[in-house]
Amino acid sequence: MLAQTLARTPAGGEDFAPPVIVCNTNHAETVADQCTRPGARIILEPAARNTAPAIALAALTLPQDALMLVMPSDHVIADIAAFHAAIAAAAPLAEQGWLVTFGIEPTAPETGYGYIERGEALSGGLCRVLRFVEKPDRLTAETYVSSGRYSWNAGIFLFRAGTYLEALAAHAPAMLDACRAAMATAQHEGMLIRPDGDAFAACPSDSIDYAVMEKADKVAVAPSDMGWSDIGSWDALYDLMERDGEGNALAGDVFALDTSSCLVRSDGPTVTLCGVEDLIVVATADAVMILPRGRSQDTKKIVEALKVARHSTLDR
């Protein structure tokens, strides 16, 4: 999926500069193998501090007037031409100092996505953002979809690097200070950039939505029908995977008998199922997770419980 994300900004043209990838230090080798594009840079976060600091680290490596397209690597975009058209439509406002987010026309009252309420029309088919809503309940989501005033929040952004840093200075100055300090003494090893760990450890943790987008004034949404899907959940992955005649999406060493409508993935141990349906089963070398399909958002609850227990699985 990282390779697919990189392919959305093709090399060799005038539209896109070499990518800047921000990832965890533990993923350095894998990411470097995936990204061989000349001029690419990989920033290795010393610690996880959510999306707002990660984007700040990248912004600090760019010219302040550079347009910065922020893309998560766990998304599917089926219509690349439509995506590029949305970028082109959003670019003039971004050049004028707007923070632009991309919105998707909702096709169902999804409760696992954030929503954007659209306001007044701006140029290029964009709209001013009235507010962001984080993962509403089912009834509220149904109201949003029927109103026609809301988009799904795709978590993709376009703005000048300087605009973003100015917004951080206004709304999250401690975050910006920590990121500047971390990059000021960063180590450079070829394409790898290692920000200072002690300086970055002092950085507050927050998402770009909470730290900046919900607080800034000039925030616009670019609606697009680009065949977008957020594969941030196992349920979303099930919807995209090829399934057998019983509706099972299986990957790895899996044997499913009298089993239907399950997502089963194993990265090591043999997984066997019999007489079950509508489950998500994920097996790694040291852990197995089992959930009902439709509740993959509860993965976060599992992780939080493991953190409270200080379980060693999270360190591997």
Protein backbone atom coordinates (compact mmCIF):
# COMPACT_ATOMS: atom_id res chain seq x y z
CA MET A 1 0.00 0.00 0.00
CA LEU A 2 2.96 2.31 0.54
CA ALA A 3 4.08 1.61 -3.03
CA GLN A 4 0.56 2.38 -4.27
CA THR A 5 0.55 5.65 -2.34
CA LEU A 6 3.91 6.67 -3.82
CA ALA A 7 2.64 5.80 -7.31
CA ARG A 8 -0.08 8.46 -6.95
CA THR A 9 2.66 11.10 -7.21
CA PRO A 10 4.51 9.85 -10.29
CA ALA A 11 8.14 10.79 -10.82
CA GLY A 12 9.41 12.43 -13.97
CA GLY A 13 6.73 15.09 -14.28
CA GLU A 14 6.59 18.69 -13.15
CA ASP A 15 3.68 18.24 -10.75
CA PHE A 16 5.37 16.31 -7.95
CA ALA A 17 8.73 16.62 -6.23
CA PRO A 18 10.44 13.59 -4.65
CA PRO A 19 8.46 12.31 -1.66
CA VAL A 20 9.15 12.84 2.02
CA ILE A 21 8.07 9.82 4.06
CA VAL A 22 7.58 9.95 7.82
CA CYS A 23 7.60 6.61 9.61
CA ASN A 24 8.68 4.81 12.76
CA THR A 25 12.36 4.02 13.19
CA ASN A 26 11.56 0.30 13.25
CA HIS A 27 10.21 0.54 9.69
CA ALA A 28 13.26 2.22 8.18
CA GLU A 29 14.58 -0.76 6.23
CA THR A 30 11.18 -1.78 4.86
CA VAL A 31 10.30 1.75 3.77
CA ALA A 32 13.72 2.31 2.20
CA ASP A 33 13.27 -0.90 0.17
CA GLN A 34 9.88 0.34 -1.06
CA CYS A 35 10.99 3.86 -1.93
CA THR A 36 13.92 3.97 -4.33
CA ARG A 37 12.96 7.23 -6.03
CA PRO A 38 15.91 9.62 -6.46
CA GLY A 39 15.74 12.53 -4.06
CA ALA A 40 13.29 10.86 -1.67
CA ARG A 41 13.79 11.43 2.04
CA ILE A 42 12.65 9.28 4.97
CA ILE A 43 12.16 10.92 8.36
CA LEU A 44 12.37 8.40 11.21
CA GLU A 45 10.23 9.41 14.17
CA PRO A 46 12.00 8.69 17.46
CA ALA A 47 8.58 8.21 19.10
CA ALA A 48 4.94 8.16 18.05
CA ARG A 49 3.36 11.59 18.46
CA ASN A 50 0.38 11.35 16.07
CA THR A 51 -0.09 13.08 12.74
CA ALA A 52 0.34 16.78 13.54
CA PRO A 53 4.00 16.48 14.64
CA ALA A 54 4.78 13.99 11.88
CA ILE A 55 3.55 16.46 9.26
CA ALA A 56 5.51 19.24 10.97
CA LEU A 57 8.75 17.26 10.68
CA ALA A 58 8.17 16.93 6.94
CA ALA A 59 7.16 20.58 6.53
CA LEU A 60 10.40 21.68 8.14
CA THR A 61 12.39 19.98 5.35
CA LEU A 62 10.55 21.81 2.54
CA PRO A 63 10.65 25.33 1.08
CA GLN A 64 8.05 27.38 2.94
CA ASP A 65 6.16 28.19 -0.28
CA ALA A 66 6.07 24.54 -1.42
CA LEU A 67 2.65 22.95 -1.73
CA MET A 68 2.59 19.94 0.55
CA LEU A 69 0.29 17.01 -0.29
CA VAL A 70 -0.22 14.86 2.81
CA MET A 71 -1.33 11.28 2.14
CA PRO A 72 -1.68 8.41 4.62
CA SER A 73 -0.29 5.14 3.29
CA ASP A 74 -3.25 2.97 4.34
CA HIS A 75 -5.80 4.28 1.84
CA VAL A 76 -7.13 2.92 -1.42
CA ILE A 77 -7.87 5.39 -4.25
CA ALA A 78 -9.36 3.68 -7.27
CA ASP A 79 -9.69 6.72 -9.56
CA ILE A 80 -6.27 8.39 -9.68
CA ALA A 81 -7.37 10.80 -12.42
CA ALA A 82 -10.18 12.08 -10.19
CA PHE A 83 -7.72 12.44 -7.32
CA HIS A 84 -5.33 14.49 -9.46
CA ALA A 85 -8.25 16.63 -10.64
CA ALA A 86 -9.18 17.34 -7.02
CA ILE A 87 -5.57 18.29 -6.26
CA ALA A 88 -5.53 20.69 -9.22
CA ALA A 89 -8.81 22.25 -8.08
CA ALA A 90 -7.51 22.68 -4.54
CA ALA A 91 -4.08 24.07 -5.45
CA PRO A 92 -5.12 27.72 -6.09
CA LEU A 93 -6.69 28.07 -2.65
CA ALA A 94 -3.74 26.33 -1.02
CA GLU A 95 -1.45 28.81 -2.76
CA GLN A 96 -3.51 31.59 -1.17
CA GLY A 97 -2.88 30.29 2.33
CA TRP A 98 -5.84 27.98 2.83
CA LEU A 99 -5.55 24.62 4.57
CA VAL A 100 -7.36 22.21 2.28
CA THR A 101 -8.73 18.81 3.24
CA PHE A 102 -10.29 16.34 0.83
CA GLY A 103 -13.86 15.15 1.37
CA ILE A 104 -15.60 12.04 0.06
CA GLU A 105 -19.30 11.84 -0.78
CA PRO A 106 -20.70 9.43 1.82
CA THR A 107 -22.34 6.31 0.43
CA ALA A 108 -23.53 4.94 3.77
CA PRO A 109 -23.92 6.13 7.39
CA GLU A 110 -20.48 4.89 8.40
CA THR A 111 -19.69 5.35 12.09
CA GLY A 112 -15.98 4.64 11.73
CA TYR A 113 -15.23 7.76 9.65
CA GLY A 114 -14.99 11.41 10.58
CA TYR A 115 -17.35 13.85 8.83
CA ILE A 116 -16.94 17.39 7.48
CA GLU A 117 -19.84 19.84 7.35
CA ARG A 118 -19.52 21.98 4.23
CA GLY A 119 -20.26 25.71 4.33
CA GLU A 120 -20.14 28.50 1.78
CA ALA A 121 -18.95 27.75 -1.73
CA LEU A 122 -15.44 28.87 -2.64
CA SER A 123 -13.59 28.80 -5.95
CA GLY A 124 -12.90 25.62 -7.89
CA GLY A 125 -15.84 23.71 -6.40
CA LEU A 126 -14.37 23.83 -2.90
CA CYS A 127 -16.29 24.86 0.22
CA ARG A 128 -15.38 26.42 3.51
CA VAL A 129 -15.35 23.89 6.35
CA LEU A 130 -17.96 24.67 8.99
CA ARG A 131 -16.90 21.92 11.38
CA PHE A 132 -15.36 18.50 11.75
CA VAL A 133 -17.27 15.70 13.49
CA GLU A 134 -15.42 12.68 14.84
CA LYS A 135 -17.07 9.27 14.26
CA PRO A 136 -20.76 9.91 15.03
CA ASP A 137 -23.21 7.28 16.24
CA ARG A 138 -25.39 5.50 13.70
CA LEU A 139 -28.45 7.76 14.00
CA THR A 140 -26.35 10.92 13.70
CA ALA A 141 -24.49 9.50 10.71
CA GLU A 142 -27.79 8.75 8.98
CA THR A 143 -28.84 12.38 9.55
CA TYR A 144 -25.56 13.63 8.07
CA VAL A 145 -25.86 11.48 4.95
CA SER A 146 -29.49 12.43 4.29
CA SER A 147 -28.77 16.16 4.72
CA GLY A 148 -26.36 16.27 1.77
CA ARG A 149 -24.16 18.78 3.63
CA TYR A 150 -21.48 16.42 4.87
CA SER A 151 -18.45 14.66 3.43
CA TRP A 152 -16.35 11.87 4.86
CA ASN A 153 -13.02 13.17 6.08
CA ALA A 154 -10.44 11.44 3.87
CA GLY A 155 -7.48 12.54 5.99
CA ILE A 156 -5.67 13.86 2.90
CA PHE A 157 -4.48 17.47 2.94
CA LEU A 158 -2.96 20.14 0.70
CA PHE A 159 -1.34 23.36 1.92
CA ARG A 160 1.86 25.35 1.74
CA ALA A 161 4.46 24.06 4.18
CA GLY A 162 4.76 27.56 5.61
CA THR A 163 1.00 27.87 6.07
CA TYR A 164 0.94 24.70 8.13
CA LEU A 165 3.85 25.79 10.31
CA GLU A 166 2.22 29.19 10.84
CA ALA A 167 -0.97 27.43 11.96
CA LEU A 168 1.05 25.31 14.39
CA ALA A 169 2.72 28.44 15.75
CA ALA A 170 -0.73 29.93 16.40
CA HIS A 171 -2.52 26.88 17.79
CA ALA A 172 0.14 24.43 19.02
CA PRO A 173 3.35 26.39 19.64
CA ALA A 174 4.87 23.83 22.01
CA MET A 175 4.53 21.20 19.30
CA LEU A 176 6.24 23.39 16.73
CA ASP A 177 9.06 24.27 19.12
CA ALA A 178 9.76 20.61 19.86
CA CYS A 179 9.73 19.68 16.18
CA ARG A 180 12.07 22.55 15.29
CA ALA A 181 14.46 21.52 18.04
CA ALA A 182 14.37 17.89 16.93
CA MET A 183 15.12 18.78 13.32
CA ALA A 184 17.80 21.33 14.20
CA THR A 185 20.07 18.57 15.48
CA ALA A 186 18.81 15.74 13.27
CA GLN A 187 21.26 13.20 11.89
CA HIS A 188 21.38 12.72 8.13
CA GLU A 189 22.39 9.34 6.70
CA GLY A 190 21.80 9.30 2.95
CA MET A 191 18.06 9.43 2.43
CA LEU A 192 17.40 8.87 6.16
CA ILE A 193 16.77 11.76 8.57
CA ARG A 194 16.82 11.00 12.30
CA PRO A 195 15.35 13.83 14.41
CA ASP A 196 16.80 14.27 17.88
CA GLY A 197 15.02 11.83 20.19
CA ASP A 198 15.23 13.88 23.39
CA ALA A 199 13.85 16.99 21.74
CA PHE A 200 11.05 15.10 20.02
CA ALA A 201 10.10 13.31 23.25
CA ALA A 202 9.01 16.70 24.61
CA CYS A 203 6.54 17.14 21.73
CA PRO A 204 2.82 16.96 22.60
CA SER A 205 0.91 14.19 20.82
CA ASP A 206 -2.09 15.25 18.73
CA SER A 207 -3.70 14.74 15.34
CA ILE A 208 -3.68 17.38 12.62
CA ASP A 209 -7.47 17.60 12.90
CA TYR A 210 -7.47 18.49 16.60
CA ALA A 211 -4.25 20.52 16.68
CA VAL A 212 -4.81 22.61 13.54
CA MET A 213 -7.74 21.96 11.23
CA GLU A 214 -10.50 22.40 13.82
CA LYS A 215 -8.94 25.66 15.09
CA ALA A 216 -7.71 27.44 11.97
CA ASP A 217 -9.86 29.96 10.13
CA LYS A 218 -9.06 29.42 6.46
CA VAL A 219 -9.93 25.74 6.12
CA ALA A 220 -11.54 24.41 2.93
CA VAL A 221 -12.76 21.03 1.75
CA ALA A 222 -12.30 19.73 -1.80
CA PRO A 223 -15.11 17.24 -2.54
CA SER A 224 -14.05 14.33 -4.73
CA ASP A 225 -15.40 11.03 -5.99
CA MET A 226 -12.06 9.24 -6.26
CA GLY A 227 -13.02 5.71 -5.25
CA TRP A 228 -11.57 6.26 -1.79
CA SER A 229 -11.50 3.76 1.05
CA ASP A 230 -9.76 3.99 4.40
CA ILE A 231 -8.08 0.69 5.16
CA GLY A 232 -7.54 1.78 8.73
CA SER A 233 -9.86 -1.00 9.85
CA TRP A 234 -10.09 -4.74 9.29
CA ASP A 235 -13.71 -4.36 8.19
CA ALA A 236 -12.63 -2.03 5.39
CA LEU A 237 -9.96 -4.52 4.34
CA TYR A 238 -12.55 -7.31 4.20
CA ASP A 239 -14.68 -5.24 1.83
CA LEU A 240 -11.75 -4.94 -0.60
CA MET A 241 -10.28 -8.44 -0.43
CA GLU A 242 -11.11 -11.25 -2.82
CA ARG A 243 -13.48 -13.71 -1.14
CA ASP A 244 -14.28 -17.37 -1.68
CA GLY A 245 -17.70 -18.88 -2.35
CA GLU A 246 -18.56 -18.73 1.35
CA GLY A 247 -17.67 -15.05 1.63
CA ASN A 248 -14.40 -15.67 3.44
CA ALA A 249 -11.33 -13.47 2.87
CA LEU A 250 -8.37 -15.67 3.78
CA ALA A 251 -4.64 -14.96 3.80
CA GLY A 252 -1.82 -17.13 5.11
CA ASP A 253 -1.93 -20.65 6.52
CA VAL A 254 -5.68 -20.85 7.12
CA PHE A 255 -8.16 -23.76 7.00
CA ALA A 256 -11.83 -22.74 7.18
CA LEU A 257 -14.46 -25.51 7.42
CA ASP A 258 -18.19 -24.81 7.53
CA THR A 259 -17.21 -21.15 7.92
CA SER A 260 -18.67 -18.09 6.22
CA SER A 261 -18.18 -14.33 5.92
CA CYS A 262 -14.93 -14.24 7.90
CA LEU A 263 -11.70 -12.32 7.47
CA VAL A 264 -8.81 -14.55 8.57
CA ARG A 265 -5.18 -13.56 8.21
CA SER A 266 -2.13 -15.37 9.58
CA ASP A 267 1.47 -14.21 9.40
CA GLY A 268 2.78 -17.45 10.89
CA PRO A 269 0.78 -20.04 12.84
CA THR A 270 -1.81 -22.28 11.23
CA VAL A 271 -5.33 -20.99 11.94
CA THR A 272 -8.28 -23.37 11.74
CA LEU A 273 -11.95 -22.47 11.98
CA CYS A 274 -15.08 -24.61 11.96
CA GLY A 275 -18.74 -23.74 12.29
CA VAL A 276 -18.35 -19.96 12.69
CA GLU A 277 -19.33 -16.86 10.74
CA ASP A 278 -18.79 -13.10 10.64
CA LEU A 279 -15.46 -13.10 12.49
CA ILE A 280 -12.19 -11.23 12.12
CA VAL A 281 -9.22 -13.38 13.09
CA VAL A 282 -5.69 -11.97 12.85
CA ALA A 283 -2.71 -14.08 13.93
CA THR A 284 0.86 -12.82 14.17
CA ALA A 285 3.94 -14.56 15.52
CA ASP A 286 3.09 -13.71 19.13
CA ALA A 287 -0.60 -12.79 19.31
CA VAL A 288 -4.07 -13.67 18.03
CA MET A 289 -6.96 -11.20 17.82
CA ILE A 290 -10.58 -12.32 17.37
CA LEU A 291 -13.43 -9.86 16.82
CA PRO A 292 -16.95 -9.97 15.37
CA ARG A 293 -17.03 -8.45 11.91
CA GLY A 294 -18.40 -4.94 12.15
CA ARG A 295 -16.50 -4.19 15.36
CA SER A 296 -12.97 -3.77 14.06
CA GLN A 297 -12.89 -0.25 15.54
CA ASP A 298 -12.64 -2.05 18.90
CA THR A 299 -9.04 -2.91 17.99
CA LYS A 300 -8.17 0.36 19.70
CA LYS A 301 -9.79 -0.86 22.92
CA ILE A 302 -7.68 -4.01 22.78
CA VAL A 303 -4.49 -2.00 22.32
CA GLU A 304 -5.39 0.32 25.19
CA ALA A 305 -6.07 -2.66 27.47
CA LEU A 306 -2.69 -4.14 26.56
CA LYS A 307 -1.06 -0.80 27.32
CA VAL A 308 -2.70 -0.67 30.75
CA ALA A 309 -1.45 -4.19 31.41
CA ARG A 310 2.00 -3.22 30.07
CA HIS A 311 1.89 -6.34 27.96
CA SER A 312 5.12 -7.28 26.25
CA THR A 313 3.34 -7.88 22.92
CA LEU A 314 3.32 -4.14 22.25
CA ASP A 315 7.11 -4.02 22.41
CA ARG A 316 7.66 -6.55 19.61
